[in-house]
Amino acid sequence: MSIIIALVVILYLVFFAFGFISYAFNSYGLYELAKKESEKSPALAWIPYINKYTLGRIAFKSNVQGIILTALGIISIVLSIIVLFIKTTKTVLLELAIASIAISAVLTIYTFIARYKIYKKYSKSTVLMTILDIVSCGILGPFFIFAIRNNEKK
């Protein structure tokens, strides 16, 4: 039994470490791109969920797009927390779960579109990066953002 607990703890630590590394690469890449794009507040790239605003501003050059991405991220996490921690009827729980999944799906697609637009601005391998980003379920996106942070705008 203790071996199983040890494996679970190790797996948890590996996922936590990967998540932190991914967050750091994404935030630093967005921060550098925001400075390159002369954004007013590039430091927002370091704030979880609010960094979606920076992503939207860089990708779409629009406050509205940045706000929409941020709102989707915040709504997604709030709905997930409600589904996990609020005790309610099965019907309401199911409806909240479906809403959470739908918002998360929209956010994911919107994020892929934003990243595509950034890859298009800063990389010659736009299609390849986008395909690999989607196939990896977004895992490679932060590393691609980090990789192109020093590229010149096309």
C-alpha atoms as a PDB file:
ATOM      1  CA  MET A   1       0.000   0.000   0.000  1.00  0.00           C
ATOM      2  CA  SER A   2       2.805   2.428   0.823  1.00  0.00           C
ATOM      3  CA  ILE A   3       4.319   1.871  -2.634  1.00  0.00           C
ATOM      4  CA  ILE A   4       1.058   2.977  -4.253  1.00  0.00           C
ATOM      5  CA  ILE A   5       0.925   6.078  -2.065  1.00  0.00           C
ATOM      6  CA  ALA A   6       4.554   6.855  -2.918  1.00  0.00           C
ATOM      7  CA  LEU A   7       3.832   6.472  -6.644  1.00  0.00           C
ATOM      8  CA  VAL A   8       0.787   8.729  -6.393  1.00  0.00           C
ATOM      9  CA  VAL A   9       2.820  11.372  -4.555  1.00  0.00           C
ATOM     10  CA  ILE A  10       5.642  11.149  -7.117  1.00  0.00           C
ATOM     11  CA  LEU A  11       3.152  11.385  -9.987  1.00  0.00           C
ATOM     12  CA  TYR A  12       1.520  14.410  -8.340  1.00  0.00           C
ATOM     13  CA  LEU A  13       4.918  16.089  -7.917  1.00  0.00           C
ATOM     14  CA  VAL A  14       5.840  15.386 -11.549  1.00  0.00           C
ATOM     15  CA  PHE A  15       2.567  16.913 -12.785  1.00  0.00           C
ATOM     16  CA  PHE A  16       2.983  19.895 -10.454  1.00  0.00           C
ATOM     17  CA  ALA A  17       6.567  20.442 -11.643  1.00  0.00           C
ATOM     18  CA  PHE A  18       5.528  20.177 -15.297  1.00  0.00           C
ATOM     19  CA  GLY A  19       2.656  22.610 -14.727  1.00  0.00           C
ATOM     20  CA  PHE A  20       4.947  25.102 -13.030  1.00  0.00           C
ATOM     21  CA  ILE A  21       7.586  24.822 -15.783  1.00  0.00           C
ATOM     22  CA  SER A  22       4.901  25.223 -18.448  1.00  0.00           C
ATOM     23  CA  TYR A  23       3.485  28.261 -16.636  1.00  0.00           C
ATOM     24  CA  ALA A  24       6.946  29.850 -16.357  1.00  0.00           C
ATOM     25  CA  PHE A  25       7.774  29.301 -20.042  1.00  0.00           C
ATOM     26  CA  ASN A  26       4.379  30.640 -21.159  1.00  0.00           C
ATOM     27  CA  SER A  27       4.506  33.666 -18.859  1.00  0.00           C
ATOM     28  CA  TYR A  28       8.058  34.622 -19.775  1.00  0.00           C
ATOM     29  CA  GLY A  29       7.346  34.186 -23.497  1.00  0.00           C
ATOM     30  CA  LEU A  30       4.168  36.283 -23.297  1.00  0.00           C
ATOM     31  CA  TYR A  31       5.966  38.886 -21.189  1.00  0.00           C
ATOM     32  CA  GLU A  32       8.732  39.275 -23.782  1.00  0.00           C
ATOM     33  CA  LEU A  33       6.260  39.381 -26.675  1.00  0.00           C
ATOM     34  CA  ALA A  34       4.153  41.965 -24.824  1.00  0.00           C
ATOM     35  CA  LYS A  35       7.222  44.168 -24.379  1.00  0.00           C
ATOM     36  CA  LYS A  36       8.038  43.722 -28.067  1.00  0.00           C
ATOM     37  CA  GLU A  37       4.458  44.719 -28.951  1.00  0.00           C
ATOM     38  CA  SER A  38       4.755  47.797 -26.663  1.00  0.00           C
ATOM     39  CA  GLU A  39       1.901  46.661 -24.424  1.00  0.00           C
ATOM     40  CA  LYS A  40       1.202  48.977 -21.484  1.00  0.00           C
ATOM     41  CA  SER A  41       1.277  46.226 -18.844  1.00  0.00           C
ATOM     42  CA  PRO A  42       3.469  43.317 -19.963  1.00  0.00           C
ATOM     43  CA  ALA A  43       3.707  42.120 -16.331  1.00  0.00           C
ATOM     44  CA  LEU A  44       0.093  40.884 -16.602  1.00  0.00           C
ATOM     45  CA  ALA A  45       1.599  37.913 -18.438  1.00  0.00           C
ATOM     46  CA  TRP A  46       2.727  36.577 -15.053  1.00  0.00           C
ATOM     47  CA  ILE A  47      -0.716  36.564 -13.398  1.00  0.00           C
ATOM     48  CA  PRO A  48      -2.594  33.276 -13.829  1.00  0.00           C
ATOM     49  CA  TYR A  49      -5.837  33.615 -15.827  1.00  0.00           C
ATOM     50  CA  ILE A  50      -5.208  37.347 -16.293  1.00  0.00           C
ATOM     51  CA  ASN A  51      -2.378  36.399 -18.653  1.00  0.00           C
ATOM     52  CA  LYS A  52      -5.121  35.461 -21.127  1.00  0.00           C
ATOM     53  CA  TYR A  53      -5.635  39.206 -21.517  1.00  0.00           C
ATOM     54  CA  THR A  54      -2.014  39.568 -22.635  1.00  0.00           C
ATOM     55  CA  LEU A  55      -2.442  36.620 -25.006  1.00  0.00           C
ATOM     56  CA  GLY A  56      -5.526  38.246 -26.559  1.00  0.00           C
ATOM     57  CA  ARG A  57      -3.885  41.668 -26.839  1.00  0.00           C
ATOM     58  CA  ILE A  58      -0.796  40.248 -28.579  1.00  0.00           C
ATOM     59  CA  ALA A  59      -2.791  37.977 -30.885  1.00  0.00           C
ATOM     60  CA  PHE A  60      -5.710  40.205 -31.826  1.00  0.00           C
ATOM     61  CA  LYS A  61      -4.476  43.716 -30.923  1.00  0.00           C
ATOM     62  CA  SER A  62      -7.812  44.231 -29.207  1.00  0.00           C
ATOM     63  CA  ASN A  63      -8.774  44.944 -25.608  1.00  0.00           C
ATOM     64  CA  VAL A  64     -12.127  43.261 -26.226  1.00  0.00           C
ATOM     65  CA  GLN A  65     -10.502  40.003 -27.356  1.00  0.00           C
ATOM     66  CA  GLY A  66      -8.204  40.075 -24.334  1.00  0.00           C
ATOM     67  CA  ILE A  67     -11.130  40.660 -22.001  1.00  0.00           C
ATOM     68  CA  ILE A  68     -13.137  37.852 -23.622  1.00  0.00           C
ATOM     69  CA  LEU A  69     -10.251  35.388 -23.203  1.00  0.00           C
ATOM     70  CA  THR A  70      -9.768  36.456 -19.584  1.00  0.00           C
ATOM     71  CA  ALA A  71     -13.493  36.223 -18.817  1.00  0.00           C
ATOM     72  CA  LEU A  72     -13.711  32.755 -20.373  1.00  0.00           C
ATOM     73  CA  GLY A  73     -10.757  31.608 -18.264  1.00  0.00           C
ATOM     74  CA  ILE A  74     -12.198  32.972 -15.042  1.00  0.00           C
ATOM     75  CA  ILE A  75     -15.712  31.662 -15.757  1.00  0.00           C
ATOM     76  CA  SER A  76     -14.244  28.256 -16.584  1.00  0.00           C
ATOM     77  CA  ILE A  77     -12.350  27.961 -13.308  1.00  0.00           C
ATOM     78  CA  VAL A  78     -15.269  29.310 -11.236  1.00  0.00           C
ATOM     79  CA  LEU A  79     -17.682  26.804 -12.782  1.00  0.00           C
ATOM     80  CA  SER A  80     -15.190  23.983 -12.200  1.00  0.00           C
ATOM     81  CA  ILE A  81     -14.822  24.952  -8.542  1.00  0.00           C
ATOM     82  CA  ILE A  82     -18.589  25.127  -8.113  1.00  0.00           C
ATOM     83  CA  VAL A  83     -19.022  21.681  -9.696  1.00  0.00           C
ATOM     84  CA  LEU A  84     -16.341  20.193  -7.442  1.00  0.00           C
ATOM     85  CA  PHE A  85     -17.179  21.802  -4.127  1.00  0.00           C
ATOM     86  CA  ILE A  86     -20.831  22.888  -4.014  1.00  0.00           C
ATOM     87  CA  LYS A  87     -23.358  20.307  -2.943  1.00  0.00           C
ATOM     88  CA  THR A  88     -26.563  20.618  -4.923  1.00  0.00           C
ATOM     89  CA  THR A  89     -29.065  18.457  -6.787  1.00  0.00           C
ATOM     90  CA  LYS A  90     -27.822  16.088  -9.470  1.00  0.00           C
ATOM     91  CA  THR A  91     -29.698  18.014 -12.157  1.00  0.00           C
ATOM     92  CA  VAL A  92     -28.094  21.353 -11.256  1.00  0.00           C
ATOM     93  CA  LEU A  93     -24.712  19.682 -10.899  1.00  0.00           C
ATOM     94  CA  LEU A  94     -25.065  18.104 -14.341  1.00  0.00           C
ATOM     95  CA  GLU A  95     -26.085  21.427 -15.904  1.00  0.00           C
ATOM     96  CA  LEU A  96     -23.136  23.205 -14.273  1.00  0.00           C
ATOM     97  CA  ALA A  97     -20.776  20.457 -15.412  1.00  0.00           C
ATOM     98  CA  ILE A  98     -22.036  20.733 -18.993  1.00  0.00           C
ATOM     99  CA  ALA A  99     -21.690  24.533 -18.872  1.00  0.00           C
ATOM    100  CA  SER A 100     -18.163  24.167 -17.485  1.00  0.00           C
ATOM    101  CA  ILE A 101     -17.170  21.768 -20.250  1.00  0.00           C
ATOM    102  CA  ALA A 102     -18.698  24.014 -22.927  1.00  0.00           C
ATOM    103  CA  ILE A 103     -16.927  27.147 -21.625  1.00  0.00           C
ATOM    104  CA  SER A 104     -13.648  25.230 -21.353  1.00  0.00           C
ATOM    105  CA  ALA A 105     -14.029  24.007 -24.941  1.00  0.00           C
ATOM    106  CA  VAL A 106     -14.675  27.541 -26.207  1.00  0.00           C
ATOM    107  CA  LEU A 107     -11.686  28.830 -24.218  1.00  0.00           C
ATOM    108  CA  THR A 108      -9.454  26.071 -25.614  1.00  0.00           C
ATOM    109  CA  ILE A 109     -10.451  26.795 -29.213  1.00  0.00           C
ATOM    110  CA  TYR A 110     -10.094  30.549 -28.673  1.00  0.00           C
ATOM    111  CA  THR A 111      -6.633  29.983 -27.157  1.00  0.00           C
ATOM    112  CA  PHE A 112      -5.549  27.878 -30.147  1.00  0.00           C
ATOM    113  CA  ILE A 113      -6.724  30.646 -32.492  1.00  0.00           C
ATOM    114  CA  ALA A 114      -4.829  33.275 -30.469  1.00  0.00           C
ATOM    115  CA  ARG A 115      -1.674  31.185 -30.458  1.00  0.00           C
ATOM    116  CA  TYR A 116      -2.021  30.599 -34.219  1.00  0.00           C
ATOM    117  CA  LYS A 117      -2.149  34.362 -34.760  1.00  0.00           C
ATOM    118  CA  ILE A 118       0.968  34.799 -32.606  1.00  0.00           C
ATOM    119  CA  TYR A 119       2.794  31.989 -34.434  1.00  0.00           C
ATOM    120  CA  LYS A 120       1.810  33.644 -37.712  1.00  0.00           C
ATOM    121  CA  LYS A 121       3.329  36.957 -36.555  1.00  0.00           C
ATOM    122  CA  TYR A 122       6.571  35.540 -35.186  1.00  0.00           C
ATOM    123  CA  SER A 123       7.332  32.194 -36.834  1.00  0.00           C
ATOM    124  CA  LYS A 124       7.919  30.700 -40.263  1.00  0.00           C
ATOM    125  CA  SER A 125       6.516  27.378 -39.003  1.00  0.00           C
ATOM    126  CA  THR A 126       2.999  28.604 -38.277  1.00  0.00           C
ATOM    127  CA  VAL A 127       1.097  25.562 -39.528  1.00  0.00           C
ATOM    128  CA  LEU A 128       3.463  23.016 -37.977  1.00  0.00           C
ATOM    129  CA  MET A 129       3.423  24.762 -34.605  1.00  0.00           C
ATOM    130  CA  THR A 130      -0.360  25.029 -34.650  1.00  0.00           C
ATOM    131  CA  ILE A 131      -0.840  21.365 -35.584  1.00  0.00           C
ATOM    132  CA  LEU A 132       1.613  20.192 -32.913  1.00  0.00           C
ATOM    133  CA  ASP A 133      -0.019  22.503 -30.366  1.00  0.00           C
ATOM    134  CA  ILE A 134      -3.476  21.078 -31.108  1.00  0.00           C
ATOM    135  CA  VAL A 135      -2.316  17.438 -31.296  1.00  0.00           C
ATOM    136  CA  SER A 136      -0.553  17.832 -27.934  1.00  0.00           C
ATOM    137  CA  CYS A 137      -3.803  19.245 -26.467  1.00  0.00           C
ATOM    138  CA  GLY A 138      -2.088  22.574 -25.813  1.00  0.00           C
ATOM    139  CA  ILE A 139       0.883  21.154 -23.934  1.00  0.00           C
ATOM    140  CA  LEU A 140       3.414  22.448 -26.468  1.00  0.00           C
ATOM    141  CA  GLY A 141       1.870  25.939 -26.767  1.00  0.00           C
ATOM    142  CA  PRO A 142       3.709  27.516 -23.822  1.00  0.00           C
ATOM    143  CA  PHE A 143       7.022  26.157 -25.075  1.00  0.00           C
ATOM    144  CA  PHE A 144       6.363  27.460 -28.594  1.00  0.00           C
ATOM    145  CA  ILE A 145       5.485  30.894 -27.196  1.00  0.00           C
ATOM    146  CA  PHE A 146       8.759  30.813 -25.250  1.00  0.00           C
ATOM    147  CA  ALA A 147      10.693  29.649 -28.330  1.00  0.00           C
ATOM    148  CA  ILE A 148       9.488  32.514 -30.552  1.00  0.00           C
ATOM    149  CA  ARG A 149       9.796  35.276 -27.943  1.00  0.00           C
ATOM    150  CA  ASN A 150      13.000  36.662 -29.509  1.00  0.00           C
ATOM    151  CA  ASN A 151      11.910  36.300 -33.146  1.00  0.00           C
ATOM    152  CA  GLU A 152      11.365  39.396 -35.232  1.00  0.00           C
ATOM    153  CA  LYS A 153       7.831  40.179 -36.308  1.00  0.00           C
ATOM    154  CA  LYS A 154       7.141  39.087 -39.889  1.00  0.00           C
END
